[in-house]
C-alpha atoms as a PDB file:
ATOM      1  CA  MET A   1      -7.033-113.132 -37.272  1.00  0.00           C
ATOM      2  CA  PRO A   2      -7.291-109.392 -36.184  1.00  0.00           C
ATOM      3  CA  SER A   3     -10.414-107.568 -35.270  1.00  0.00           C
ATOM      4  CA  GLN A   4     -12.637-105.529 -38.065  1.00  0.00           C
ATOM      5  CA  ASP A   5     -15.074-103.592 -36.245  1.00  0.00           C
ATOM      6  CA  GLY A   6     -16.699-102.633 -39.762  1.00  0.00           C
ATOM      7  CA  GLY A   7     -16.637-103.063 -43.386  1.00  0.00           C
ATOM      8  CA  GLY A   8     -13.266-102.078 -45.588  1.00  0.00           C
ATOM      9  CA  PRO A   9     -11.404-103.390 -48.504  1.00  0.00           C
ATOM     10  CA  PRO A  10     -11.227-107.105 -49.002  1.00  0.00           C
ATOM     11  CA  ARG A  11      -8.080-108.428 -47.546  1.00  0.00           C
ATOM     12  CA  SER A  12      -6.262-111.007 -49.830  1.00  0.00           C
ATOM     13  CA  GLY A  13      -4.783-114.223 -48.876  1.00  0.00           C
ATOM     14  CA  THR A  14      -6.000-117.569 -47.614  1.00  0.00           C
ATOM     15  CA  ALA A  15      -6.558-116.522 -43.795  1.00  0.00           C
ATOM     16  CA  LEU A  16      -9.895-115.430 -44.791  1.00  0.00           C
ATOM     17  CA  GLU A  17     -10.869-118.952 -46.510  1.00  0.00           C
ATOM     18  CA  GLY A  18     -12.554-121.431 -44.070  1.00  0.00           C
ATOM     19  CA  LEU A  19     -15.075-122.560 -41.746  1.00  0.00           C
ATOM     20  CA  LEU A  20     -16.596-120.303 -38.709  1.00  0.00           C
ATOM     21  CA  LEU A  21     -18.647-121.940 -35.975  1.00  0.00           C
ATOM     22  CA  ILE A  22     -21.003-119.014 -34.900  1.00  0.00           C
ATOM     23  CA  ASP A  23     -23.455-119.207 -32.268  1.00  0.00           C
ATOM     24  CA  LYS A  24     -26.559-117.255 -33.617  1.00  0.00           C
ATOM     25  CA  PRO A  25     -28.715-115.293 -31.141  1.00  0.00           C
ATOM     26  CA  ALA A  26     -32.379-115.146 -31.100  1.00  0.00           C
ATOM     27  CA  GLY A  27     -33.906-112.370 -33.234  1.00  0.00           C
ATOM     28  CA  MET A  28     -31.257-112.296 -35.994  1.00  0.00           C
ATOM     29  CA  THR A  29     -32.122-114.395 -39.437  1.00  0.00           C
ATOM     30  CA  SER A  30     -29.088-116.673 -40.877  1.00  0.00           C
ATOM     31  CA  HIS A  31     -29.060-114.037 -43.470  1.00  0.00           C
ATOM     32  CA  ASP A  32     -28.353-111.218 -40.996  1.00  0.00           C
ATOM     33  CA  VAL A  33     -25.613-113.291 -39.486  1.00  0.00           C
ATOM     34  CA  VAL A  34     -23.889-114.041 -42.882  1.00  0.00           C
ATOM     35  CA  ALA A  35     -24.411-110.410 -44.125  1.00  0.00           C
ATOM     36  CA  ALA A  36     -22.618-108.886 -40.740  1.00  0.00           C
ATOM     37  CA  ILE A  37     -19.760-111.290 -40.929  1.00  0.00           C
ATOM     38  CA  ARG A  38     -19.101-110.545 -44.605  1.00  0.00           C
ATOM     39  CA  GLY A  39     -19.066-106.756 -43.884  1.00  0.00           C
ATOM     40  CA  ARG A  40     -16.500-107.343 -40.846  1.00  0.00           C
ATOM     41  CA  LEU A  41     -14.343-109.447 -43.388  1.00  0.00           C
ATOM     42  CA  GLY A  42     -14.426-106.765 -45.941  1.00  0.00           C
ATOM     43  CA  GLY A  43     -16.645-108.252 -48.316  1.00  0.00           C
ATOM     44  CA  VAL A  44     -15.100-111.940 -48.725  1.00  0.00           C
ATOM     45  CA  LYS A  45     -17.365-114.455 -50.317  1.00  0.00           C
ATOM     46  CA  THR A  46     -19.451-115.960 -47.599  1.00  0.00           C
ATOM     47  CA  GLY A  47     -22.399-118.321 -47.124  1.00  0.00           C
ATOM     48  CA  HIS A  48     -24.075-120.616 -44.581  1.00  0.00           C
ATOM     49  CA  ALA A  49     -24.848-124.543 -44.302  1.00  0.00           C
ATOM     50  CA  GLY A  50     -28.472-124.657 -43.105  1.00  0.00           C
ATOM     51  CA  THR A  51     -30.895-121.952 -41.905  1.00  0.00           C
ATOM     52  CA  LEU A  52     -32.035-121.316 -38.447  1.00  0.00           C
ATOM     53  CA  ASP A  53     -35.465-119.812 -37.921  1.00  0.00           C
ATOM     54  CA  PRO A  54     -35.331-116.101 -36.469  1.00  0.00           C
ATOM     55  CA  PHE A  55     -36.161-117.267 -32.964  1.00  0.00           C
ATOM     56  CA  ALA A  56     -33.948-120.144 -32.892  1.00  0.00           C
ATOM     57  CA  THR A  57     -30.183-119.975 -31.428  1.00  0.00           C
ATOM     58  CA  GLY A  58     -27.345-122.176 -31.817  1.00  0.00           C
ATOM     59  CA  LEU A  59     -24.804-123.401 -34.191  1.00  0.00           C
ATOM     60  CA  LEU A  60     -24.540-121.730 -37.678  1.00  0.00           C
ATOM     61  CA  LEU A  61     -21.979-123.016 -39.956  1.00  0.00           C
ATOM     62  CA  VAL A  62     -20.528-119.939 -41.660  1.00  0.00           C
ATOM     63  CA  MET A  63     -18.183-120.712 -44.980  1.00  0.00           C
ATOM     64  CA  THR A  64     -15.801-117.964 -46.303  1.00  0.00           C
ATOM     65  CA  GLY A  65     -13.878-117.967 -49.494  1.00  0.00           C
ATOM     66  CA  ALA A  66     -13.054-121.335 -51.225  1.00  0.00           C
ATOM     67  CA  ALA A  67     -14.671-123.030 -48.222  1.00  0.00           C
ATOM     68  CA  THR A  68     -18.360-122.276 -49.715  1.00  0.00           C
ATOM     69  CA  ARG A  69     -17.295-124.868 -52.506  1.00  0.00           C
ATOM     70  CA  LEU A  70     -18.115-127.492 -49.420  1.00  0.00           C
ATOM     71  CA  GLN A  71     -21.612-125.778 -48.594  1.00  0.00           C
ATOM     72  CA  SER A  72     -23.745-128.770 -50.014  1.00  0.00           C
ATOM     73  CA  ARG A  73     -21.557-131.523 -48.245  1.00  0.00           C
ATOM     74  CA  LEU A  74     -21.935-129.603 -44.959  1.00  0.00           C
ATOM     75  CA  MET A  75     -25.792-129.205 -45.343  1.00  0.00           C
ATOM     76  CA  GLU A  76     -26.074-132.767 -45.893  1.00  0.00           C
ATOM     77  CA  MET A  77     -24.931-133.657 -42.413  1.00  0.00           C
ATOM     78  CA  PRO A  78     -27.201-134.497 -39.692  1.00  0.00           C
ATOM     79  CA  LYS A  79     -28.008-131.960 -36.734  1.00  0.00           C
ATOM     80  CA  SER A  80     -28.675-131.990 -33.318  1.00  0.00           C
ATOM     81  CA  TYR A  81     -31.176-129.819 -31.530  1.00  0.00           C
ATOM     82  CA  GLU A  82     -32.591-129.262 -27.927  1.00  0.00           C
ATOM     83  CA  VAL A  83     -36.149-127.847 -27.772  1.00  0.00           C
ATOM     84  CA  THR A  84     -38.447-126.503 -25.326  1.00  0.00           C
ATOM     85  CA  ALA A  85     -41.868-127.206 -26.135  1.00  0.00           C
ATOM     86  CA  ARG A  86     -44.882-125.692 -24.799  1.00  0.00           C
ATOM     87  CA  LEU A  87     -47.639-128.187 -24.219  1.00  0.00           C
ATOM     88  CA  GLY A  88     -51.686-127.776 -24.381  1.00  0.00           C
ATOM     89  CA  ALA A  89     -51.359-124.924 -27.067  1.00  0.00           C
ATOM     90  CA  ARG A  90     -50.995-124.483 -30.684  1.00  0.00           C
ATOM     91  CA  SER A  91     -49.067-121.937 -32.680  1.00  0.00           C
ATOM     92  CA  SER A  92     -49.796-121.121 -36.429  1.00  0.00           C
ATOM     93  CA  THR A  93     -46.418-121.047 -37.074  1.00  0.00           C
ATOM     94  CA  GLY A  94     -45.278-123.772 -34.748  1.00  0.00           C
ATOM     95  CA  ASP A  95     -43.190-121.153 -32.545  1.00  0.00           C
ATOM     96  CA  PRO A  96     -43.850-118.134 -30.546  1.00  0.00           C
ATOM     97  CA  GLU A  97     -44.205-115.870 -33.217  1.00  0.00           C
ATOM     98  CA  GLY A  98     -47.278-117.384 -34.545  1.00  0.00           C
ATOM     99  CA  THR A  99     -51.198-116.916 -33.273  1.00  0.00           C
ATOM    100  CA  ILE A 100     -51.453-118.921 -30.064  1.00  0.00           C
ATOM    101  CA  GLU A 101     -54.409-121.179 -29.446  1.00  0.00           C
ATOM    102  CA  VAL A 102     -54.723-122.539 -25.801  1.00  0.00           C
ATOM    103  CA  THR A 103     -56.231-125.819 -25.731  1.00  0.00           C
ATOM    104  CA  GLY A 104     -55.623-127.136 -22.379  1.00  0.00           C
ATOM    105  CA  ARG A 105     -54.840-130.554 -23.813  1.00  0.00           C
ATOM    106  CA  HIS A 106     -51.500-132.303 -23.052  1.00  0.00           C
ATOM    107  CA  PRO A 107     -49.621-135.088 -25.147  1.00  0.00           C
ATOM    108  CA  PRO A 108     -49.418-138.226 -22.909  1.00  0.00           C
ATOM    109  CA  ASP A 109     -46.190-138.411 -20.640  1.00  0.00           C
ATOM    110  CA  PRO A 110     -43.880-139.629 -22.483  1.00  0.00           C
ATOM    111  CA  PRO A 111     -45.420-139.047 -25.592  1.00  0.00           C
ATOM    112  CA  PRO A 112     -44.983-141.538 -28.641  1.00  0.00           C
ATOM    113  CA  LEU A 113     -41.843-140.007 -30.328  1.00  0.00           C
ATOM    114  CA  PRO A 114     -41.196-141.016 -33.858  1.00  0.00           C
ATOM    115  CA  THR A 115     -37.742-142.167 -34.994  1.00  0.00           C
ATOM    116  CA  GLY A 116     -36.584-143.698 -38.273  1.00  0.00           C
ATOM    117  CA  GLU A 117     -37.649-142.632 -41.558  1.00  0.00           C
ATOM    118  CA  ILE A 118     -40.919-140.542 -41.381  1.00  0.00           C
ATOM    119  CA  ARG A 119     -43.243-138.604 -43.832  1.00  0.00           C
ATOM    120  CA  GLN A 120     -42.978-135.032 -42.724  1.00  0.00           C
ATOM    121  CA  ARG A 121     -45.197-131.755 -44.274  1.00  0.00           C
ATOM    122  CA  PRO A 122     -43.231-128.929 -43.668  1.00  0.00           C
ATOM    123  CA  PRO A 123     -44.833-125.887 -41.867  1.00  0.00           C
ATOM    124  CA  ILE A 124     -46.482-123.423 -44.364  1.00  0.00           C
ATOM    125  CA  TYR A 125     -44.446-120.549 -42.605  1.00  0.00           C
ATOM    126  CA  SER A 126     -41.324-121.985 -43.893  1.00  0.00           C
ATOM    127  CA  ALA A 127     -38.519-121.137 -46.691  1.00  0.00           C
ATOM    128  CA  VAL A 128     -39.871-124.231 -48.939  1.00  0.00           C
ATOM    129  CA  LYS A 129     -40.401-122.803 -52.705  1.00  0.00           C
ATOM    130  CA  ILE A 130     -44.179-123.603 -53.528  1.00  0.00           C
ATOM    131  CA  GLY A 131     -44.552-122.195 -57.390  1.00  0.00           C
ATOM    132  CA  GLY A 132     -41.155-120.492 -57.012  1.00  0.00           C
ATOM    133  CA  GLU A 133     -41.996-118.483 -54.235  1.00  0.00           C
ATOM    134  CA  ARG A 134     -41.234-118.945 -50.459  1.00  0.00           C
ATOM    135  CA  ALA A 135     -44.031-120.553 -48.674  1.00  0.00           C
ATOM    136  CA  TYR A 136     -43.870-118.193 -45.688  1.00  0.00           C
ATOM    137  CA  ARG A 137     -44.599-115.256 -48.440  1.00  0.00           C
ATOM    138  CA  ARG A 138     -47.776-116.780 -49.512  1.00  0.00           C
ATOM    139  CA  ALA A 139     -49.139-117.809 -46.156  1.00  0.00           C
ATOM    140  CA  ARG A 140     -48.704-114.269 -44.663  1.00  0.00           C
ATOM    141  CA  ARG A 141     -50.939-113.030 -47.781  1.00  0.00           C
ATOM    142  CA  GLY A 142     -53.695-115.236 -46.407  1.00  0.00           C
ATOM    143  CA  GLU A 143     -53.280-117.804 -49.485  1.00  0.00           C
ATOM    144  CA  ARG A 144     -54.471-121.372 -49.058  1.00  0.00           C
ATOM    145  CA  PHE A 145     -52.138-123.986 -50.286  1.00  0.00           C
ATOM    146  CA  GLU A 146     -50.766-127.347 -49.029  1.00  0.00           C
ATOM    147  CA  MET A 147     -47.293-128.089 -48.307  1.00  0.00           C
ATOM    148  CA  PRO A 148     -45.716-131.481 -50.211  1.00  0.00           C
ATOM    149  CA  GLU A 149     -44.634-134.159 -48.123  1.00  0.00           C
ATOM    150  CA  ARG A 150     -41.053-135.332 -47.835  1.00  0.00           C
ATOM    151  CA  ILE A 151     -39.131-138.376 -46.437  1.00  0.00           C
ATOM    152  CA  VAL A 152     -36.855-137.377 -43.631  1.00  0.00           C
ATOM    153  CA  THR A 153     -35.066-139.531 -40.907  1.00  0.00           C
ATOM    154  CA  VAL A 154     -35.194-139.074 -37.151  1.00  0.00           C
ATOM    155  CA  HIS A 155     -32.102-140.671 -35.653  1.00  0.00           C
ATOM    156  CA  SER A 156     -33.084-140.022 -32.038  1.00  0.00           C
ATOM    157  CA  PHE A 157     -36.006-138.025 -30.184  1.00  0.00           C
ATOM    158  CA  GLU A 158     -36.071-138.145 -26.547  1.00  0.00           C
ATOM    159  CA  GLN A 159     -37.785-136.509 -23.742  1.00  0.00           C
ATOM    160  CA  LEU A 160     -35.599-135.039 -21.099  1.00  0.00           C
ATOM    161  CA  GLY A 161     -38.301-133.793 -18.579  1.00  0.00           C
ATOM    162  CA  ARG A 162     -41.382-132.505 -18.239  1.00  0.00           C
ATOM    163  CA  ASP A 163     -42.777-129.634 -16.046  1.00  0.00           C
ATOM    164  CA  GLY A 164     -46.512-128.297 -16.074  1.00  0.00           C
ATOM    165  CA  ASP A 165     -47.196-126.932 -19.841  1.00  0.00           C
ATOM    166  CA  GLU A 166     -43.319-127.354 -20.868  1.00  0.00           C
ATOM    167  CA  ALA A 167     -41.268-130.261 -22.032  1.00  0.00           C
ATOM    168  CA  ARG A 168     -37.851-130.530 -23.060  1.00  0.00           C
ATOM    169  CA  PHE A 169     -36.755-132.873 -25.918  1.00  0.00           C
ATOM    170  CA  ALA A 170     -33.371-133.737 -27.435  1.00  0.00           C
ATOM    171  CA  ILE A 171     -33.646-134.576 -31.403  1.00  0.00           C
ATOM    172  CA  ARG A 172     -30.927-135.713 -33.881  1.00  0.00           C
ATOM    173  CA  CYS A 173     -32.050-135.947 -37.509  1.00  0.00           C
ATOM    174  CA  SER A 174     -31.535-135.545 -41.236  1.00  0.00           C
ATOM    175  CA  SER A 175     -30.940-132.500 -42.935  1.00  0.00           C
ATOM    176  CA  GLY A 176     -34.387-131.198 -44.123  1.00  0.00           C
ATOM    177  CA  THR A 177     -36.101-131.930 -41.078  1.00  0.00           C
ATOM    178  CA  TYR A 178     -38.325-129.554 -39.439  1.00  0.00           C
ATOM    179  CA  VAL A 179     -38.484-129.749 -35.715  1.00  0.00           C
ATOM    180  CA  ARG A 180     -41.314-127.254 -35.498  1.00  0.00           C
ATOM    181  CA  SER A 181     -43.148-129.987 -37.280  1.00  0.00           C
ATOM    182  CA  LEU A 182     -42.067-132.842 -35.263  1.00  0.00           C
ATOM    183  CA  ILE A 183     -43.256-130.897 -32.309  1.00  0.00           C
ATOM    184  CA  ALA A 184     -46.701-130.028 -33.724  1.00  0.00           C
ATOM    185  CA  ASP A 185     -47.233-133.723 -34.575  1.00  0.00           C
ATOM    186  CA  LEU A 186     -47.004-134.487 -30.876  1.00  0.00           C
ATOM    187  CA  GLY A 187     -50.369-132.648 -30.561  1.00  0.00           C
ATOM    188  CA  ASP A 188     -51.376-129.467 -28.818  1.00  0.00           C
ATOM    189  CA  ALA A 189     -47.856-128.296 -28.737  1.00  0.00           C
ATOM    190  CA  TYR A 190     -45.225-126.085 -30.418  1.00  0.00           C
ATOM    191  CA  CYS A 191     -41.614-125.194 -30.000  1.00  0.00           C
ATOM    192  CA  LEU A 192     -41.068-122.399 -27.255  1.00  0.00           C
ATOM    193  CA  THR A 193     -37.268-122.452 -28.004  1.00  0.00           C
ATOM    194  CA  LEU A 194     -35.229-124.214 -30.460  1.00  0.00           C
ATOM    195  CA  ARG A 195     -31.351-124.646 -29.944  1.00  0.00           C
ATOM    196  CA  ARG A 196     -28.923-126.321 -32.514  1.00  0.00           C
ATOM    197  CA  THR A 197     -26.256-127.993 -30.820  1.00  0.00           C
ATOM    198  CA  ALA A 198     -24.383-129.764 -33.647  1.00  0.00           C
ATOM    199  CA  ILE A 199     -24.118-130.189 -36.995  1.00  0.00           C
ATOM    200  CA  GLY A 200     -22.208-133.538 -37.885  1.00  0.00           C
ATOM    201  CA  PRO A 201     -18.812-133.260 -35.907  1.00  0.00           C
ATOM    202  CA  PHE A 202     -19.419-129.502 -35.505  1.00  0.00           C
ATOM    203  CA  SER A 203     -20.257-128.498 -31.686  1.00  0.00           C
ATOM    204  CA  VAL A 204     -21.895-125.327 -30.638  1.00  0.00           C
ATOM    205  CA  LEU A 205     -19.332-125.860 -27.823  1.00  0.00           C
ATOM    206  CA  ASP A 206     -16.696-124.766 -30.214  1.00  0.00           C
ATOM    207  CA  ALA A 207     -18.949-121.629 -31.640  1.00  0.00           C
ATOM    208  CA  HIS A 208     -18.205-117.943 -31.179  1.00  0.00           C
ATOM    209  CA  PRO A 209     -20.453-115.151 -30.979  1.00  0.00           C
ATOM    210  CA  ALA A 210     -22.345-113.581 -34.047  1.00  0.00           C
ATOM    211  CA  PRO A 211     -21.415-109.972 -34.584  1.00  0.00           C
ATOM    212  CA  GLN A 212     -23.862-107.373 -33.193  1.00  0.00           C
ATOM    213  CA  ARG A 213     -24.664-104.022 -34.691  1.00  0.00           C
ATOM    214  CA  GLY A 214     -22.596-101.139 -33.203  1.00  0.00           C
ATOM    215  CA  GLN A 215     -20.316-103.728 -31.108  1.00  0.00           C
ATOM    216  CA  PRO A 216     -16.730-104.331 -31.699  1.00  0.00           C
ATOM    217  CA  TRP A 217     -16.281-108.316 -32.988  1.00  0.00           C
ATOM    218  CA  THR A 218     -12.917-110.026 -33.135  1.00  0.00           C
ATOM    219  CA  ALA A 219     -13.081-112.501 -36.015  1.00  0.00           C
ATOM    220  CA  PRO A 220     -12.177-116.021 -34.898  1.00  0.00           C
ATOM    221  CA  ALA A 221      -9.599-117.988 -36.881  1.00  0.00           C
ATOM    222  CA  PRO A 222     -11.417-120.167 -39.342  1.00  0.00           C
ATOM    223  CA  LEU A 223     -11.235-123.840 -39.659  1.00  0.00           C
ATOM    224  CA  ALA A 224      -8.918-124.323 -42.614  1.00  0.00           C
ATOM    225  CA  VAL A 225     -10.453-125.880 -45.911  1.00  0.00           C
ATOM    226  CA  GLU A 226      -8.128-129.063 -45.614  1.00  0.00           C
ATOM    227  CA  GLN A 227      -9.320-129.350 -42.129  1.00  0.00           C
ATOM    228  CA  MET A 228     -12.631-129.233 -43.045  1.00  0.00           C
ATOM    229  CA  ARG A 229     -12.306-131.913 -45.933  1.00  0.00           C
ATOM    230  CA  GLU A 230     -10.660-134.375 -43.033  1.00  0.00           C
ATOM    231  CA  MET A 231     -13.639-133.862 -40.796  1.00  0.00           C
ATOM    232  CA  LEU A 232     -16.361-134.631 -43.636  1.00  0.00           C
ATOM    233  CA  LYS A 233     -14.314-137.846 -44.236  1.00  0.00           C
END
């Protein structure tokens, strides 16, 4: 696919229809990535399959054209993450962007790591809607409310290593699982870094960089809709 460094008139044909595997950098929202790609591709219909927090990095599935019809199927797939957790401290948001309280208390080594179906309460700083409004907006106003529990599935949860106040984990879980909550529930821990490494059969190893403002970007050839359907069988 030819490079486009900015917007422009929409281009016709099926070349823009398909799935782009994007490696989202820290500091960009998932919406930012989608909007940047839409602009570079001249306004073609664009969406993504699964939000990543702004501080998180890794695989974002971006659909263009007719591929957006497969969004719900892509969002249902299990997801894999690599996490670095800060131990002996808590965060109001479960990540580095919150108010940090240092406790000095560390979870056991190794900690008990839940797998299978579990009840989970999403963090109040999340995009879950409460009363028709995003929870994080209400939380930022200082409102007090309780997040509803949900049942999610943790397929695997492994501690990869520990060094002082940091521990590394690999997690594979169902759609809708909040990794920040999994780490916070260990006790006196929060996500220092979070990277999504896979969604179903799609790997971040095959992903391309996201467009950056003011920099040239060559759009990768998308995975065709028929190929997507074959991989989703």
